[in-house]
């Protein structure tokens, strides 16, 4: 469906938890909402979501409920990752939708970006 939005990546999000003063403002949640608005439907079948860090349980649950086909994440999150690290929400057999999950794409580069980002935040 590239023709509907001119072939560019239409849905981007970044974490807005602090600026939005809401725990619901994760990048994945923002991107899913933008995709639903753009496509005019809540079922996002046919869509792939690419993220830097393995999604948390809230975001993984929203992806399952949104019916995305595929998730690609770069760096695993051993503290809160819910796509295989701490738990595996997309792989839960009791849920009504399965997401193909691929992790580790550009993992070293993504981990370095995240370390640099949080080091800057701590400094100031």
Protein backbone atom coordinates (compact mmCIF):
# COMPACT_ATOMS: atom_id res chain seq x y z
CA UNK A 1 0.00 0.00 0.00
CA UNK A 2 2.87 2.49 -0.50
CA UNK A 3 0.74 4.63 -2.78
CA UNK A 4 -1.55 5.74 0.05
CA UNK A 5 1.18 7.73 1.76
CA UNK A 6 3.67 8.38 -1.02
CA UNK A 7 6.03 5.50 -0.21
CA UNK A 8 7.69 7.16 2.78
CA UNK A 9 7.66 5.95 6.39
CA UNK A 10 4.54 7.66 7.68
CA UNK A 11 4.42 6.57 11.29
CA UNK A 12 7.18 7.45 13.64
CA UNK A 13 7.15 7.80 17.34
CA UNK A 14 9.50 8.53 20.13
CA UNK A 15 8.99 8.17 23.83
CA UNK A 16 6.92 11.08 25.18
CA UNK A 17 6.28 9.78 28.68
CA UNK A 18 7.89 12.78 30.40
CA UNK A 19 6.72 15.51 28.02
CA UNK A 20 3.22 14.04 27.82
CA UNK A 21 3.11 13.23 31.54
CA UNK A 22 1.62 9.86 30.73
CA UNK A 23 2.93 6.30 31.00
CA UNK A 24 0.94 5.55 27.84
CA UNK A 25 3.12 7.74 25.61
CA UNK A 26 5.64 5.07 24.56
CA UNK A 27 6.95 5.33 20.99
CA UNK A 28 5.21 2.10 19.98
CA UNK A 29 1.83 3.33 21.24
CA UNK A 30 2.25 6.60 19.36
CA UNK A 31 3.23 4.82 16.13
CA UNK A 32 0.29 2.38 16.40
CA UNK A 33 -2.15 5.26 16.92
CA UNK A 34 -0.72 7.18 13.96
CA UNK A 35 -0.92 4.10 11.74
CA UNK A 36 -4.54 3.49 12.73
CA UNK A 37 -5.42 7.12 12.01
CA UNK A 38 -3.67 7.09 8.64
CA UNK A 39 -5.14 3.79 7.52
CA UNK A 40 -8.57 4.55 8.98
CA UNK A 41 -8.77 1.23 10.81
CA UNK A 42 -7.66 -0.22 14.12
CA UNK A 43 -6.69 -3.59 12.69
CA UNK A 44 -3.17 -3.08 11.39
CA UNK A 45 -2.82 -6.34 9.50
CA UNK A 46 -0.17 -6.09 6.83
CA UNK A 47 1.94 -3.76 8.97
CA UNK A 48 5.43 -4.22 10.40
CA UNK A 49 6.63 -2.20 13.38
CA UNK A 50 10.36 -1.46 13.72
CA UNK A 51 11.64 -0.34 17.12
CA UNK A 52 15.00 0.32 18.72
CA UNK A 53 14.37 -1.43 22.03
CA UNK A 54 12.37 -4.59 22.74
CA UNK A 55 8.85 -3.48 23.66
CA UNK A 56 7.42 -3.61 27.18
CA UNK A 57 4.31 -5.61 28.13
CA UNK A 58 1.93 -2.70 27.50
CA UNK A 59 3.29 -2.07 24.01
CA UNK A 60 3.49 -5.77 23.13
CA UNK A 61 -0.14 -6.17 24.21
CA UNK A 62 -1.19 -3.20 22.08
CA UNK A 63 0.60 -4.74 19.09
CA UNK A 64 -1.27 -8.02 19.55
CA UNK A 65 -4.59 -6.18 19.90
CA UNK A 66 -3.77 -4.05 16.83
CA UNK A 67 -3.13 -7.23 14.85
CA UNK A 68 0.20 -6.14 13.35
CA UNK A 69 1.84 -8.90 11.34
CA UNK A 70 5.44 -8.38 12.35
CA UNK A 71 7.67 -6.71 14.94
CA UNK A 72 11.36 -6.07 14.36
CA UNK A 73 13.38 -4.75 17.28
CA UNK A 74 17.07 -4.02 17.60
CA UNK A 75 18.24 -4.30 21.21
CA UNK A 76 16.82 -6.74 23.75
CA UNK A 77 15.63 -5.31 27.08
CA UNK A 78 16.59 -7.70 29.88
CA UNK A 79 14.81 -5.51 32.47
CA UNK A 80 11.39 -4.99 30.88
CA UNK A 81 11.33 -6.66 27.46
CA UNK A 82 8.07 -8.48 26.82
CA UNK A 83 8.87 -10.07 23.46
CA UNK A 84 11.13 -12.81 24.72
CA UNK A 85 13.42 -11.35 27.40
CA UNK A 86 11.36 -11.07 30.60
CA UNK A 87 8.17 -12.51 29.15
CA UNK A 88 6.76 -13.21 25.69
CA UNK A 89 3.42 -11.50 25.17
CA UNK A 90 3.31 -11.98 21.36
CA UNK A 91 4.03 -15.69 21.79
CA UNK A 92 1.26 -16.35 24.31
CA UNK A 93 -0.74 -19.28 22.94
CA UNK A 94 -3.93 -18.13 24.69
CA UNK A 95 -4.08 -14.84 22.80
CA UNK A 96 -6.08 -14.60 19.58
CA UNK A 97 -3.30 -13.17 17.36
CA UNK A 98 0.33 -14.04 16.69
CA UNK A 99 3.03 -11.59 15.69
CA UNK A 100 6.20 -12.64 13.93
CA UNK A 101 8.99 -11.25 16.11
CA UNK A 102 12.56 -10.68 14.98
CA UNK A 103 15.10 -9.29 17.41
CA UNK A 104 18.71 -8.25 17.10
CA UNK A 105 18.61 -6.20 13.88
CA UNK A 106 21.48 -3.70 14.30
CA UNK A 107 21.52 -4.56 18.01
CA UNK A 108 25.01 -3.22 18.74
CA UNK A 109 24.30 0.11 17.06
CA UNK A 110 20.95 0.46 18.79
CA UNK A 111 22.41 -0.40 22.21
CA UNK A 112 25.12 2.24 21.70
CA UNK A 113 22.50 4.86 20.77
CA UNK A 114 20.45 4.02 23.84
CA UNK A 115 23.49 4.15 26.16
CA UNK A 116 24.47 7.53 24.74
CA UNK A 117 20.93 8.87 25.05
CA UNK A 118 20.56 7.87 28.70
CA UNK A 119 24.07 9.09 29.58
CA UNK A 120 23.10 12.52 28.18
CA UNK A 121 19.88 12.49 30.18
CA UNK A 122 21.75 11.69 33.41
CA UNK A 123 24.24 14.50 32.76
CA UNK A 124 21.66 16.96 32.32
